Amino acid sequence: MPIRCEIISQDRIVFQGDADIVVLPGEDGVMGILPHHSPVLTVLKYGIITIRSKGVEENYTVAGGIAEVLPDQVTVLADAAENVAEIDLQRAQEARRRAEEMLKSGAAQKDPDEYLAIQAALRRSNLRVDAARRYRKDTRTR
């Protein structure tokens, strides 16, 4: 019997379906969730959510959020999430380059909020680039 899984970002439903196992990047470590799991509420860190169903594995980046685990359902409310297969690697690399240049210029250091936003953008673009290279077959040779 599968477990129902939903990944919801701020602007859309990223995934909705049944899974045999859901692997989450919790703040206290990676969690493997199977059907009939005990109820848990956890904070998610930047990382990869893996959903395996009928032998097929899908990977999703998640940039923070929370996950509610019930015996028959996993609900992820993500700050940002996307399917690794949908990542535009060139765009992610450009975003990383821009964030690195902004941090090097030092202009954002006068405004702590802007500095933190640039650091978050760099962290997210690094996650996206690393995920695309690691999990997508079409980018493994790059």
C-alpha atoms as a PDB file:
ATOM      1  CA  MET A   1       0.000   0.000   0.000  1.00  0.00           C
ATOM      2  CA  PRO A   2       1.589   3.314  -1.064  1.00  0.00           C
ATOM      3  CA  ILE A   3       1.767   6.557   0.878  1.00  0.00           C
ATOM      4  CA  ARG A   4       0.258   9.737  -0.592  1.00  0.00           C
ATOM      5  CA  CYS A   5       2.778  12.542  -1.137  1.00  0.00           C
ATOM      6  CA  GLU A   6       2.368  16.224  -1.953  1.00  0.00           C
ATOM      7  CA  ILE A   7       5.119  18.790  -2.440  1.00  0.00           C
ATOM      8  CA  ILE A   8       3.772  22.319  -2.476  1.00  0.00           C
ATOM      9  CA  SER A   9       5.898  25.405  -3.038  1.00  0.00           C
ATOM     10  CA  GLN A  10       4.786  28.987  -2.568  1.00  0.00           C
ATOM     11  CA  ASP A  11       3.501  29.259  -6.125  1.00  0.00           C
ATOM     12  CA  ARG A  12       2.422  25.771  -7.243  1.00  0.00           C
ATOM     13  CA  ILE A  13       1.908  22.113  -6.523  1.00  0.00           C
ATOM     14  CA  VAL A  14       5.242  20.550  -7.510  1.00  0.00           C
ATOM     15  CA  PHE A  15       4.279  16.890  -6.986  1.00  0.00           C
ATOM     16  CA  GLN A  16       1.127  15.038  -6.074  1.00  0.00           C
ATOM     17  CA  GLY A  17       0.866  11.263  -6.156  1.00  0.00           C
ATOM     18  CA  ASP A  18       1.495   7.931  -4.472  1.00  0.00           C
ATOM     19  CA  ALA A  19       4.913   6.705  -3.381  1.00  0.00           C
ATOM     20  CA  ASP A  20       6.491   3.552  -2.023  1.00  0.00           C
ATOM     21  CA  ILE A  21       9.057   5.633  -0.092  1.00  0.00           C
ATOM     22  CA  VAL A  22       9.720   9.349   0.376  1.00  0.00           C
ATOM     23  CA  VAL A  23      13.190  10.501   1.472  1.00  0.00           C
ATOM     24  CA  LEU A  24      13.308  13.954   3.091  1.00  0.00           C
ATOM     25  CA  PRO A  25      16.261  16.203   4.053  1.00  0.00           C
ATOM     26  CA  GLY A  26      15.219  16.950   7.646  1.00  0.00           C
ATOM     27  CA  GLU A  27      17.118  19.391   9.857  1.00  0.00           C
ATOM     28  CA  ASP A  28      18.232  16.482  12.047  1.00  0.00           C
ATOM     29  CA  GLY A  29      19.168  14.233   9.132  1.00  0.00           C
ATOM     30  CA  VAL A  30      17.769  12.381   6.146  1.00  0.00           C
ATOM     31  CA  MET A  31      14.451  10.644   6.826  1.00  0.00           C
ATOM     32  CA  GLY A  32      13.031   7.710   4.898  1.00  0.00           C
ATOM     33  CA  ILE A  33       9.238   7.664   5.094  1.00  0.00           C
ATOM     34  CA  LEU A  34       7.312   4.459   4.362  1.00  0.00           C
ATOM     35  CA  PRO A  35       3.556   3.840   4.504  1.00  0.00           C
ATOM     36  CA  HIS A  36       2.216   3.610   8.088  1.00  0.00           C
ATOM     37  CA  HIS A  37       4.997   5.866   9.421  1.00  0.00           C
ATOM     38  CA  SER A  38       4.446   7.445  12.820  1.00  0.00           C
ATOM     39  CA  PRO A  39       3.221  11.050  12.715  1.00  0.00           C
ATOM     40  CA  VAL A  40       6.075  13.576  12.516  1.00  0.00           C
ATOM     41  CA  LEU A  41       6.378  17.288  11.889  1.00  0.00           C
ATOM     42  CA  THR A  42       9.870  18.314  10.749  1.00  0.00           C
ATOM     43  CA  VAL A  43      11.738  21.325   9.446  1.00  0.00           C
ATOM     44  CA  LEU A  44      13.426  20.738   6.090  1.00  0.00           C
ATOM     45  CA  LYS A  45      16.852  21.989   5.130  1.00  0.00           C
ATOM     46  CA  TYR A  46      18.169  22.680   1.626  1.00  0.00           C
ATOM     47  CA  GLY A  47      18.468  19.345  -0.111  1.00  0.00           C
ATOM     48  CA  ILE A  48      16.890  16.662  -2.255  1.00  0.00           C
ATOM     49  CA  ILE A  49      13.537  14.956  -1.781  1.00  0.00           C
ATOM     50  CA  THR A  50      13.495  11.535  -3.404  1.00  0.00           C
ATOM     51  CA  ILE A  51      10.200   9.848  -4.259  1.00  0.00           C
ATOM     52  CA  ARG A  52      10.251   6.225  -5.349  1.00  0.00           C
ATOM     53  CA  SER A  53       7.131   4.621  -6.785  1.00  0.00           C
ATOM     54  CA  LYS A  54       6.927   1.301  -8.616  1.00  0.00           C
ATOM     55  CA  GLY A  55      10.687   1.230  -9.146  1.00  0.00           C
ATOM     56  CA  VAL A  56      10.820   4.747 -10.636  1.00  0.00           C
ATOM     57  CA  GLU A  57      12.702   7.414  -8.721  1.00  0.00           C
ATOM     58  CA  GLU A  58      12.089  11.167  -9.011  1.00  0.00           C
ATOM     59  CA  ASN A  59      14.175  13.842  -7.321  1.00  0.00           C
ATOM     60  CA  TYR A  60      13.126  17.324  -6.244  1.00  0.00           C
ATOM     61  CA  THR A  61      15.181  20.177  -4.850  1.00  0.00           C
ATOM     62  CA  VAL A  62      13.799  21.799  -1.731  1.00  0.00           C
ATOM     63  CA  ALA A  63      15.034  25.069  -0.266  1.00  0.00           C
ATOM     64  CA  GLY A  64      13.676  24.820   3.248  1.00  0.00           C
ATOM     65  CA  GLY A  65      10.168  24.387   4.528  1.00  0.00           C
ATOM     66  CA  ILE A  66       8.291  21.899   6.683  1.00  0.00           C
ATOM     67  CA  ALA A  67       6.978  18.377   6.233  1.00  0.00           C
ATOM     68  CA  GLU A  68       4.047  16.761   7.968  1.00  0.00           C
ATOM     69  CA  VAL A  69       4.131  12.984   8.013  1.00  0.00           C
ATOM     70  CA  LEU A  70       0.999  10.998   8.771  1.00  0.00           C
ATOM     71  CA  PRO A  71       0.601   7.206   8.478  1.00  0.00           C
ATOM     72  CA  ASP A  72      -0.968   7.552   5.011  1.00  0.00           C
ATOM     73  CA  GLN A  73       0.323  10.917   3.762  1.00  0.00           C
ATOM     74  CA  VAL A  74       3.408  13.142   3.488  1.00  0.00           C
ATOM     75  CA  THR A  75       2.793  16.846   2.925  1.00  0.00           C
ATOM     76  CA  VAL A  76       5.739  19.121   2.165  1.00  0.00           C
ATOM     77  CA  LEU A  77       5.247  22.877   2.338  1.00  0.00           C
ATOM     78  CA  ALA A  78       8.440  24.154   0.739  1.00  0.00           C
ATOM     79  CA  ASP A  79       9.874  27.648   0.595  1.00  0.00           C
ATOM     80  CA  ALA A  80      10.992  26.673  -2.923  1.00  0.00           C
ATOM     81  CA  ALA A  81      10.924  23.321  -4.722  1.00  0.00           C
ATOM     82  CA  GLU A  82      11.260  21.946  -8.225  1.00  0.00           C
ATOM     83  CA  ASN A  83      11.694  18.701 -10.091  1.00  0.00           C
ATOM     84  CA  VAL A  84      15.374  18.137 -10.853  1.00  0.00           C
ATOM     85  CA  ALA A  85      14.398  17.132 -14.405  1.00  0.00           C
ATOM     86  CA  GLU A  86      12.995  20.665 -14.945  1.00  0.00           C
ATOM     87  CA  ILE A  87      16.133  22.541 -13.860  1.00  0.00           C
ATOM     88  CA  ASP A  88      17.652  24.732 -16.558  1.00  0.00           C
ATOM     89  CA  LEU A  89      21.320  24.101 -15.794  1.00  0.00           C
ATOM     90  CA  GLN A  90      22.597  27.091 -17.762  1.00  0.00           C
ATOM     91  CA  ARG A  91      20.166  29.419 -15.991  1.00  0.00           C
ATOM     92  CA  ALA A  92      21.152  27.990 -12.586  1.00  0.00           C
ATOM     93  CA  GLN A  93      24.850  28.480 -13.369  1.00  0.00           C
ATOM     94  CA  GLU A  94      24.195  32.091 -14.408  1.00  0.00           C
ATOM     95  CA  ALA A  95      22.258  32.725 -11.182  1.00  0.00           C
ATOM     96  CA  ARG A  96      25.177  31.320  -9.198  1.00  0.00           C
ATOM     97  CA  ARG A  97      27.651  33.504 -11.087  1.00  0.00           C
ATOM     98  CA  ARG A  98      25.532  36.641 -10.488  1.00  0.00           C
ATOM     99  CA  ALA A  99      25.184  35.903  -6.761  1.00  0.00           C
ATOM    100  CA  GLU A 100      28.925  35.280  -6.413  1.00  0.00           C
ATOM    101  CA  GLU A 101      29.695  38.574  -8.182  1.00  0.00           C
ATOM    102  CA  MET A 102      27.279  40.473  -5.931  1.00  0.00           C
ATOM    103  CA  LEU A 103      28.901  39.017  -2.822  1.00  0.00           C
ATOM    104  CA  LYS A 104      32.413  39.798  -4.097  1.00  0.00           C
ATOM    105  CA  SER A 105      31.499  43.399  -4.918  1.00  0.00           C
ATOM    106  CA  GLY A 106      30.714  44.055  -1.257  1.00  0.00           C
ATOM    107  CA  ALA A 107      27.837  46.387  -2.101  1.00  0.00           C
ATOM    108  CA  ALA A 108      25.322  44.263  -0.207  1.00  0.00           C
ATOM    109  CA  GLN A 109      27.323  44.232   3.024  1.00  0.00           C
ATOM    110  CA  LYS A 110      25.857  47.599   4.029  1.00  0.00           C
ATOM    111  CA  ASP A 111      22.333  46.138   4.012  1.00  0.00           C
ATOM    112  CA  PRO A 112      22.076  42.926   6.076  1.00  0.00           C
ATOM    113  CA  ASP A 113      18.765  41.919   4.490  1.00  0.00           C
ATOM    114  CA  GLU A 114      20.147  42.238   0.970  1.00  0.00           C
ATOM    115  CA  TYR A 115      23.276  40.327   1.978  1.00  0.00           C
ATOM    116  CA  LEU A 116      21.176  37.454   3.397  1.00  0.00           C
ATOM    117  CA  ALA A 117      18.997  37.415   0.269  1.00  0.00           C
ATOM    118  CA  ILE A 118      22.076  37.130  -1.957  1.00  0.00           C
ATOM    119  CA  GLN A 119      23.488  34.347   0.235  1.00  0.00           C
ATOM    120  CA  ALA A 120      20.161  32.476  -0.033  1.00  0.00           C
ATOM    121  CA  ALA A 121      20.161  32.914  -3.808  1.00  0.00           C
ATOM    122  CA  LEU A 122      23.709  31.549  -3.990  1.00  0.00           C
ATOM    123  CA  ARG A 123      22.816  28.593  -1.790  1.00  0.00           C
ATOM    124  CA  ARG A 124      19.738  27.776  -3.883  1.00  0.00           C
ATOM    125  CA  SER A 125      21.582  28.076  -7.202  1.00  0.00           C
ATOM    126  CA  ASN A 126      24.364  25.827  -5.866  1.00  0.00           C
ATOM    127  CA  LEU A 127      21.737  23.262  -4.861  1.00  0.00           C
ATOM    128  CA  ARG A 128      20.118  23.412  -8.299  1.00  0.00           C
ATOM    129  CA  VAL A 129      23.430  23.050 -10.180  1.00  0.00           C
ATOM    130  CA  ASP A 130      24.624  20.202  -7.958  1.00  0.00           C
ATOM    131  CA  ALA A 131      21.272  18.385  -8.202  1.00  0.00           C
ATOM    132  CA  ALA A 132      21.153  18.671 -11.989  1.00  0.00           C
ATOM    133  CA  ARG A 133      24.688  17.343 -12.312  1.00  0.00           C
ATOM    134  CA  ARG A 134      24.156  14.516  -9.852  1.00  0.00           C
ATOM    135  CA  TYR A 135      20.689  13.258 -10.742  1.00  0.00           C
ATOM    136  CA  ARG A 136      20.159  14.056 -14.418  1.00  0.00           C
ATOM    137  CA  LYS A 137      21.662  11.712 -16.970  1.00  0.00           C
ATOM    138  CA  ASP A 138      21.948  14.448 -19.612  1.00  0.00           C
ATOM    139  CA  THR A 139      24.330  16.543 -17.459  1.00  0.00           C
ATOM    140  CA  ARG A 140      26.627  13.915 -15.935  1.00  0.00           C
ATOM    141  CA  THR A 141      29.314  14.457 -18.581  1.00  0.00           C
ATOM    142  CA  ARG A 142      29.446  18.243 -18.110  1.00  0.00           C
END
